[in-house]
Amino acid sequence: MKRGVASARASRRVHAPFRTDARASVGLYYSTGTLRTRRVAHMIKERLGDAVSEPQLVRTTTSQQMSEHPKGIICGAPSYLWSDHQVSALDWDNILPPYTNPTDMDGKRVAVFGFGDQKAYAKHFADGVGIVWEKMQMRGAKMVGKTDLDGYEFDRSRAKLDHKFVGLVLDDDNQPELTEERVDRWCVQLRKEFDIE
């Protein structure tokens, strides 16, 4: 088989559309730049079980698919990326609500997790988590999954609201030893907030 043909077929397999897991009451979607968000998405799946879908890259799905999960979705956000005119949440920037239904997530529960670096980006710590949270709130979602600020040191963050983080914030650069404990605690919380048995 020619290398070009094999590469093309492999590319089609990698980018094939993902079918929503109809059995899962909660969808689990993520974007990643370093695979950290992917790793934590799989940790969350292991802890929450069959009630949650297999982790899926958000760039392989659609807004309609995300809205099909009856209890809502969990969103994984990478560290933000700066451009000249905006702060980006990578692939989440391209997942827009239908033009005819800007509040397509109305009433759906949504939780957000993601990463930041407290020391290198103390003035923009975990902004990607805040960006995705803002996008989902604007679409009418009922936002859940807030966590405490205890144990972090930073100057500013778009993920901070009313003395809480809007979701689960992780820092593998400076506190990798705390990641698993924080994920465990958050999943216990999500079981209650998503009403997962």
C-alpha atoms as a PDB file:
ATOM      1  CA  MET A   1       0.000   0.000   0.000  1.00  0.00           C
ATOM      2  CA  LYS A   2       1.307   3.448  -0.878  1.00  0.00           C
ATOM      3  CA  ARG A   3       2.260   5.672   2.028  1.00  0.00           C
ATOM      4  CA  GLY A   4      -0.001   8.501   0.840  1.00  0.00           C
ATOM      5  CA  VAL A   5      -3.046   6.230   0.717  1.00  0.00           C
ATOM      6  CA  ALA A   6      -2.298   4.778   4.145  1.00  0.00           C
ATOM      7  CA  SER A   7      -1.852   8.256   5.604  1.00  0.00           C
ATOM      8  CA  ALA A   8      -5.113   9.452   4.115  1.00  0.00           C
ATOM      9  CA  ARG A   9      -7.007   6.480   5.545  1.00  0.00           C
ATOM     10  CA  ALA A  10      -5.398   6.974   8.943  1.00  0.00           C
ATOM     11  CA  SER A  11      -6.355  10.642   8.854  1.00  0.00           C
ATOM     12  CA  ARG A  12      -9.976   9.721   8.109  1.00  0.00           C
ATOM     13  CA  ARG A  13     -10.015   7.340  11.050  1.00  0.00           C
ATOM     14  CA  VAL A  14      -8.617   9.951  13.443  1.00  0.00           C
ATOM     15  CA  HIS A  15     -11.027  12.680  12.413  1.00  0.00           C
ATOM     16  CA  ALA A  16     -14.171  10.574  11.961  1.00  0.00           C
ATOM     17  CA  PRO A  17     -17.233  12.117  13.643  1.00  0.00           C
ATOM     18  CA  PHE A  18     -17.984  10.834  17.099  1.00  0.00           C
ATOM     19  CA  ARG A  19     -21.440   9.480  17.835  1.00  0.00           C
ATOM     20  CA  THR A  20     -23.038  10.630  21.048  1.00  0.00           C
ATOM     21  CA  ASP A  21     -23.309   7.856  23.649  1.00  0.00           C
ATOM     22  CA  ALA A  22     -27.078   7.726  24.114  1.00  0.00           C
ATOM     23  CA  ARG A  23     -26.685   5.769  27.365  1.00  0.00           C
ATOM     24  CA  ALA A  24     -24.766   8.567  29.066  1.00  0.00           C
ATOM     25  CA  SER A  25     -26.858  11.124  30.902  1.00  0.00           C
ATOM     26  CA  VAL A  26     -23.828  13.434  31.198  1.00  0.00           C
ATOM     27  CA  GLY A  27     -21.516  14.244  28.291  1.00  0.00           C
ATOM     28  CA  LEU A  28     -17.763  14.676  28.801  1.00  0.00           C
ATOM     29  CA  TYR A  29     -15.951  16.929  26.327  1.00  0.00           C
ATOM     30  CA  TYR A  30     -12.498  18.460  26.375  1.00  0.00           C
ATOM     31  CA  SER A  31      -9.940  20.456  24.440  1.00  0.00           C
ATOM     32  CA  THR A  32      -6.230  19.966  25.010  1.00  0.00           C
ATOM     33  CA  GLY A  33      -2.889  21.349  24.003  1.00  0.00           C
ATOM     34  CA  THR A  34      -0.606  19.173  26.134  1.00  0.00           C
ATOM     35  CA  LEU A  35      -2.834  16.101  26.766  1.00  0.00           C
ATOM     36  CA  ARG A  36      -3.242  17.024  30.428  1.00  0.00           C
ATOM     37  CA  THR A  37      -6.915  17.832  29.982  1.00  0.00           C
ATOM     38  CA  ARG A  38      -7.389  14.510  28.205  1.00  0.00           C
ATOM     39  CA  ARG A  39      -5.757  12.651  31.100  1.00  0.00           C
ATOM     40  CA  VAL A  40      -8.039  14.288  33.656  1.00  0.00           C
ATOM     41  CA  ALA A  41     -11.104  13.687  31.481  1.00  0.00           C
ATOM     42  CA  HIS A  42     -10.343   9.971  31.633  1.00  0.00           C
ATOM     43  CA  MET A  43      -9.847  10.196  35.404  1.00  0.00           C
ATOM     44  CA  ILE A  44     -13.310  11.762  35.704  1.00  0.00           C
ATOM     45  CA  LYS A  45     -14.827   9.054  33.514  1.00  0.00           C
ATOM     46  CA  GLU A  46     -13.285   6.336  35.685  1.00  0.00           C
ATOM     47  CA  ARG A  47     -14.729   7.878  38.839  1.00  0.00           C
ATOM     48  CA  LEU A  48     -18.223   8.654  37.539  1.00  0.00           C
ATOM     49  CA  GLY A  49     -18.742   5.501  35.484  1.00  0.00           C
ATOM     50  CA  ASP A  50     -21.453   4.742  32.938  1.00  0.00           C
ATOM     51  CA  ALA A  51     -23.503   7.835  33.702  1.00  0.00           C
ATOM     52  CA  VAL A  52     -20.822   9.834  31.882  1.00  0.00           C
ATOM     53  CA  SER A  53     -19.897   9.439  28.216  1.00  0.00           C
ATOM     54  CA  GLU A  54     -16.450   8.463  27.003  1.00  0.00           C
ATOM     55  CA  PRO A  55     -14.249  11.590  26.888  1.00  0.00           C
ATOM     56  CA  GLN A  56     -14.498  13.245  23.504  1.00  0.00           C
ATOM     57  CA  LEU A  57     -12.463  16.004  21.863  1.00  0.00           C
ATOM     58  CA  VAL A  58     -14.784  18.966  21.488  1.00  0.00           C
ATOM     59  CA  ARG A  59     -13.573  19.614  17.928  1.00  0.00           C
ATOM     60  CA  THR A  60     -15.111  16.285  16.872  1.00  0.00           C
ATOM     61  CA  THR A  61     -18.618  17.110  18.072  1.00  0.00           C
ATOM     62  CA  THR A  62     -21.405  19.635  17.529  1.00  0.00           C
ATOM     63  CA  SER A  63     -23.535  21.828  19.749  1.00  0.00           C
ATOM     64  CA  GLN A  64     -26.534  19.618  18.953  1.00  0.00           C
ATOM     65  CA  GLN A  65     -24.744  16.499  20.170  1.00  0.00           C
ATOM     66  CA  MET A  66     -23.721  18.187  23.390  1.00  0.00           C
ATOM     67  CA  SER A  67     -27.279  19.289  24.100  1.00  0.00           C
ATOM     68  CA  GLU A  68     -28.582  15.710  23.722  1.00  0.00           C
ATOM     69  CA  HIS A  69     -27.275  14.579  27.123  1.00  0.00           C
ATOM     70  CA  PRO A  70     -30.308  14.869  29.426  1.00  0.00           C
ATOM     71  CA  LYS A  71     -28.472  15.912  32.607  1.00  0.00           C
ATOM     72  CA  GLY A  72     -25.849  18.135  31.035  1.00  0.00           C
ATOM     73  CA  ILE A  73     -22.138  18.135  30.220  1.00  0.00           C
ATOM     74  CA  ILE A  74     -18.681  18.386  31.766  1.00  0.00           C
ATOM     75  CA  CYS A  75     -16.232  20.590  29.851  1.00  0.00           C
ATOM     76  CA  GLY A  76     -12.444  20.356  29.959  1.00  0.00           C
ATOM     77  CA  ALA A  77     -10.527  23.532  29.155  1.00  0.00           C
ATOM     78  CA  PRO A  78      -6.794  23.832  28.438  1.00  0.00           C
ATOM     79  CA  SER A  79      -4.654  26.736  29.515  1.00  0.00           C
ATOM     80  CA  TYR A  80      -5.653  29.778  27.455  1.00  0.00           C
ATOM     81  CA  LEU A  81      -3.672  31.057  24.488  1.00  0.00           C
ATOM     82  CA  TRP A  82      -3.076  34.755  23.870  1.00  0.00           C
ATOM     83  CA  SER A  83      -3.548  36.330  20.471  1.00  0.00           C
ATOM     84  CA  ASP A  84      -3.338  40.013  19.572  1.00  0.00           C
ATOM     85  CA  HIS A  85      -7.006  40.691  20.158  1.00  0.00           C
ATOM     86  CA  GLN A  86      -8.441  37.979  22.379  1.00  0.00           C
ATOM     87  CA  VAL A  87      -7.848  35.253  24.890  1.00  0.00           C
ATOM     88  CA  SER A  88      -8.627  31.866  23.404  1.00  0.00           C
ATOM     89  CA  ALA A  89     -10.008  28.629  24.842  1.00  0.00           C
ATOM     90  CA  LEU A  90      -8.816  26.767  21.736  1.00  0.00           C
ATOM     91  CA  ASP A  91     -11.470  24.498  20.204  1.00  0.00           C
ATOM     92  CA  TRP A  92     -14.194  25.754  22.537  1.00  0.00           C
ATOM     93  CA  ASP A  93     -14.108  29.051  20.614  1.00  0.00           C
ATOM     94  CA  ASN A  94     -15.612  27.268  17.619  1.00  0.00           C
ATOM     95  CA  ILE A  95     -18.495  25.493  19.384  1.00  0.00           C
ATOM     96  CA  LEU A  96     -21.262  28.033  18.935  1.00  0.00           C
ATOM     97  CA  PRO A  97     -24.997  27.752  19.630  1.00  0.00           C
ATOM     98  CA  PRO A  98     -27.397  27.543  16.678  1.00  0.00           C
ATOM     99  CA  TYR A  99     -28.198  30.951  15.213  1.00  0.00           C
ATOM    100  CA  THR A 100     -31.896  30.347  15.838  1.00  0.00           C
ATOM    101  CA  ASN A 101     -31.368  29.162  19.434  1.00  0.00           C
ATOM    102  CA  PRO A 102     -28.635  31.123  21.267  1.00  0.00           C
ATOM    103  CA  THR A 103     -29.673  29.630  24.616  1.00  0.00           C
ATOM    104  CA  ASP A 104     -29.580  26.008  23.453  1.00  0.00           C
ATOM    105  CA  MET A 105     -28.180  24.847  26.806  1.00  0.00           C
ATOM    106  CA  ASP A 106     -31.054  26.378  28.772  1.00  0.00           C
ATOM    107  CA  GLY A 107     -31.570  24.410  31.983  1.00  0.00           C
ATOM    108  CA  LYS A 108     -28.741  21.947  31.289  1.00  0.00           C
ATOM    109  CA  ARG A 109     -26.211  21.503  34.072  1.00  0.00           C
ATOM    110  CA  VAL A 110     -22.637  22.281  33.025  1.00  0.00           C
ATOM    111  CA  ALA A 111     -19.394  21.893  34.971  1.00  0.00           C
ATOM    112  CA  VAL A 112     -15.941  23.035  33.812  1.00  0.00           C
ATOM    113  CA  PHE A 113     -12.448  21.853  34.698  1.00  0.00           C
ATOM    114  CA  GLY A 114      -9.038  22.838  33.404  1.00  0.00           C
ATOM    115  CA  PHE A 115      -5.464  23.853  33.985  1.00  0.00           C
ATOM    116  CA  GLY A 116      -3.362  26.888  34.798  1.00  0.00           C
ATOM    117  CA  ASP A 117       0.088  27.863  36.058  1.00  0.00           C
ATOM    118  CA  GLN A 118      -0.002  29.952  39.246  1.00  0.00           C
ATOM    119  CA  LYS A 119       3.604  31.108  39.040  1.00  0.00           C
ATOM    120  CA  ALA A 120       4.213  31.739  35.357  1.00  0.00           C
ATOM    121  CA  TYR A 121       0.745  33.220  34.696  1.00  0.00           C
ATOM    122  CA  ALA A 122      -0.318  34.585  38.067  1.00  0.00           C
ATOM    123  CA  LYS A 123      -2.242  37.453  36.443  1.00  0.00           C
ATOM    124  CA  HIS A 124      -4.180  35.147  34.097  1.00  0.00           C
ATOM    125  CA  PHE A 125      -4.375  31.949  36.112  1.00  0.00           C
ATOM    126  CA  ALA A 126      -6.681  29.321  34.573  1.00  0.00           C
ATOM    127  CA  ASP A 127      -8.424  31.899  32.394  1.00  0.00           C
ATOM    128  CA  GLY A 128      -9.432  29.146  29.972  1.00  0.00           C
ATOM    129  CA  VAL A 129     -11.717  27.652  32.632  1.00  0.00           C
ATOM    130  CA  GLY A 130     -13.371  31.044  33.066  1.00  0.00           C
ATOM    131  CA  ILE A 131     -13.764  31.550  29.330  1.00  0.00           C
ATOM    132  CA  VAL A 132     -15.575  28.247  28.796  1.00  0.00           C
ATOM    133  CA  TRP A 133     -17.718  28.901  31.890  1.00  0.00           C
ATOM    134  CA  GLU A 134     -18.732  32.302  30.491  1.00  0.00           C
ATOM    135  CA  LYS A 135     -19.620  30.805  27.109  1.00  0.00           C
ATOM    136  CA  MET A 136     -21.844  28.143  28.641  1.00  0.00           C
ATOM    137  CA  GLN A 137     -23.546  30.530  31.029  1.00  0.00           C
ATOM    138  CA  MET A 138     -24.423  32.810  28.100  1.00  0.00           C
ATOM    139  CA  ARG A 139     -26.059  29.816  26.434  1.00  0.00           C
ATOM    140  CA  GLY A 140     -28.443  29.443  29.375  1.00  0.00           C
ATOM    141  CA  ALA A 141     -26.744  26.595  31.231  1.00  0.00           C
ATOM    142  CA  LYS A 142     -27.141  26.018  34.947  1.00  0.00           C
ATOM    143  CA  MET A 143     -23.510  26.156  36.042  1.00  0.00           C
ATOM    144  CA  VAL A 144     -22.337  23.704  38.722  1.00  0.00           C
ATOM    145  CA  GLY A 145     -18.996  22.448  40.034  1.00  0.00           C
ATOM    146  CA  LYS A 146     -17.637  25.501  41.852  1.00  0.00           C
ATOM    147  CA  THR A 147     -14.597  24.900  44.069  1.00  0.00           C
ATOM    148  CA  ASP A 148     -12.726  26.674  46.865  1.00  0.00           C
ATOM    149  CA  LEU A 149      -9.739  28.964  46.381  1.00  0.00           C
ATOM    150  CA  ASP A 150      -7.849  27.411  49.297  1.00  0.00           C
ATOM    151  CA  GLY A 151      -4.362  26.163  48.447  1.00  0.00           C
ATOM    152  CA  TYR A 152      -3.750  28.438  45.446  1.00  0.00           C
ATOM    153  CA  GLU A 153      -1.664  31.611  45.124  1.00  0.00           C
ATOM    154  CA  PHE A 154      -2.283  33.904  42.152  1.00  0.00           C
ATOM    155  CA  ASP A 155      -3.126  37.530  41.370  1.00  0.00           C
ATOM    156  CA  ARG A 156      -6.078  37.366  38.994  1.00  0.00           C
ATOM    157  CA  SER A 157      -8.183  34.785  37.195  1.00  0.00           C
ATOM    158  CA  ARG A 158     -11.259  34.781  34.978  1.00  0.00           C
ATOM    159  CA  ALA A 159     -12.085  31.500  36.682  1.00  0.00           C
ATOM    160  CA  LYS A 160     -12.655  33.295  40.003  1.00  0.00           C
ATOM    161  CA  LEU A 161     -16.136  34.529  40.894  1.00  0.00           C
ATOM    162  CA  ASP A 162     -17.570  35.476  44.289  1.00  0.00           C
ATOM    163  CA  HIS A 163     -14.649  34.032  46.249  1.00  0.00           C
ATOM    164  CA  LYS A 164     -14.831  30.704  44.416  1.00  0.00           C
ATOM    165  CA  PHE A 165     -13.454  29.098  41.294  1.00  0.00           C
ATOM    166  CA  VAL A 166     -16.236  28.557  38.769  1.00  0.00           C
ATOM    167  CA  GLY A 167     -15.010  24.997  38.244  1.00  0.00           C
ATOM    168  CA  LEU A 168     -12.169  22.615  39.047  1.00  0.00           C
ATOM    169  CA  VAL A 169      -8.789  24.316  38.595  1.00  0.00           C
ATOM    170  CA  LEU A 170      -5.636  22.208  38.408  1.00  0.00           C
ATOM    171  CA  ASP A 171      -1.948  23.155  38.292  1.00  0.00           C
ATOM    172  CA  ASP A 172       0.314  20.326  37.185  1.00  0.00           C
ATOM    173  CA  ASP A 173       3.242  22.704  36.809  1.00  0.00           C
ATOM    174  CA  ASN A 174       3.434  23.625  40.489  1.00  0.00           C
ATOM    175  CA  GLN A 175       1.102  21.237  42.350  1.00  0.00           C
ATOM    176  CA  PRO A 176       1.018  17.913  40.451  1.00  0.00           C
ATOM    177  CA  GLU A 177       0.792  15.984  43.703  1.00  0.00           C
ATOM    178  CA  LEU A 178      -2.629  17.565  44.395  1.00  0.00           C
ATOM    179  CA  THR A 179      -4.279  16.798  41.051  1.00  0.00           C
ATOM    180  CA  GLU A 180      -5.668  13.357  41.855  1.00  0.00           C
ATOM    181  CA  GLU A 181      -6.997  14.438  45.256  1.00  0.00           C
ATOM    182  CA  ARG A 182      -8.705  17.467  43.721  1.00  0.00           C
ATOM    183  CA  VAL A 183     -10.272  15.355  40.977  1.00  0.00           C
ATOM    184  CA  ASP A 184     -11.516  12.813  43.535  1.00  0.00           C
ATOM    185  CA  ARG A 185     -13.139  15.507  45.642  1.00  0.00           C
ATOM    186  CA  TRP A 186     -14.721  17.196  42.631  1.00  0.00           C
ATOM    187  CA  CYS A 187     -16.216  13.964  41.332  1.00  0.00           C
ATOM    188  CA  VAL A 188     -17.897  13.329  44.689  1.00  0.00           C
ATOM    189  CA  GLN A 189     -19.357  16.828  44.401  1.00  0.00           C
ATOM    190  CA  LEU A 190     -20.508  16.276  40.797  1.00  0.00           C
ATOM    191  CA  ARG A 191     -22.350  13.089  41.725  1.00  0.00           C
ATOM    192  CA  LYS A 192     -24.603  15.219  43.904  1.00  0.00           C
ATOM    193  CA  GLU A 193     -24.894  18.210  41.572  1.00  0.00           C
ATOM    194  CA  PHE A 194     -25.664  16.096  38.487  1.00  0.00           C
ATOM    195  CA  ASP A 195     -27.778  13.653  40.512  1.00  0.00           C
ATOM    196  CA  ILE A 196     -25.673  10.684  39.412  1.00  0.00           C
ATOM    197  CA  GLU A 197     -26.379   7.450  41.256  1.00  0.00           C
END
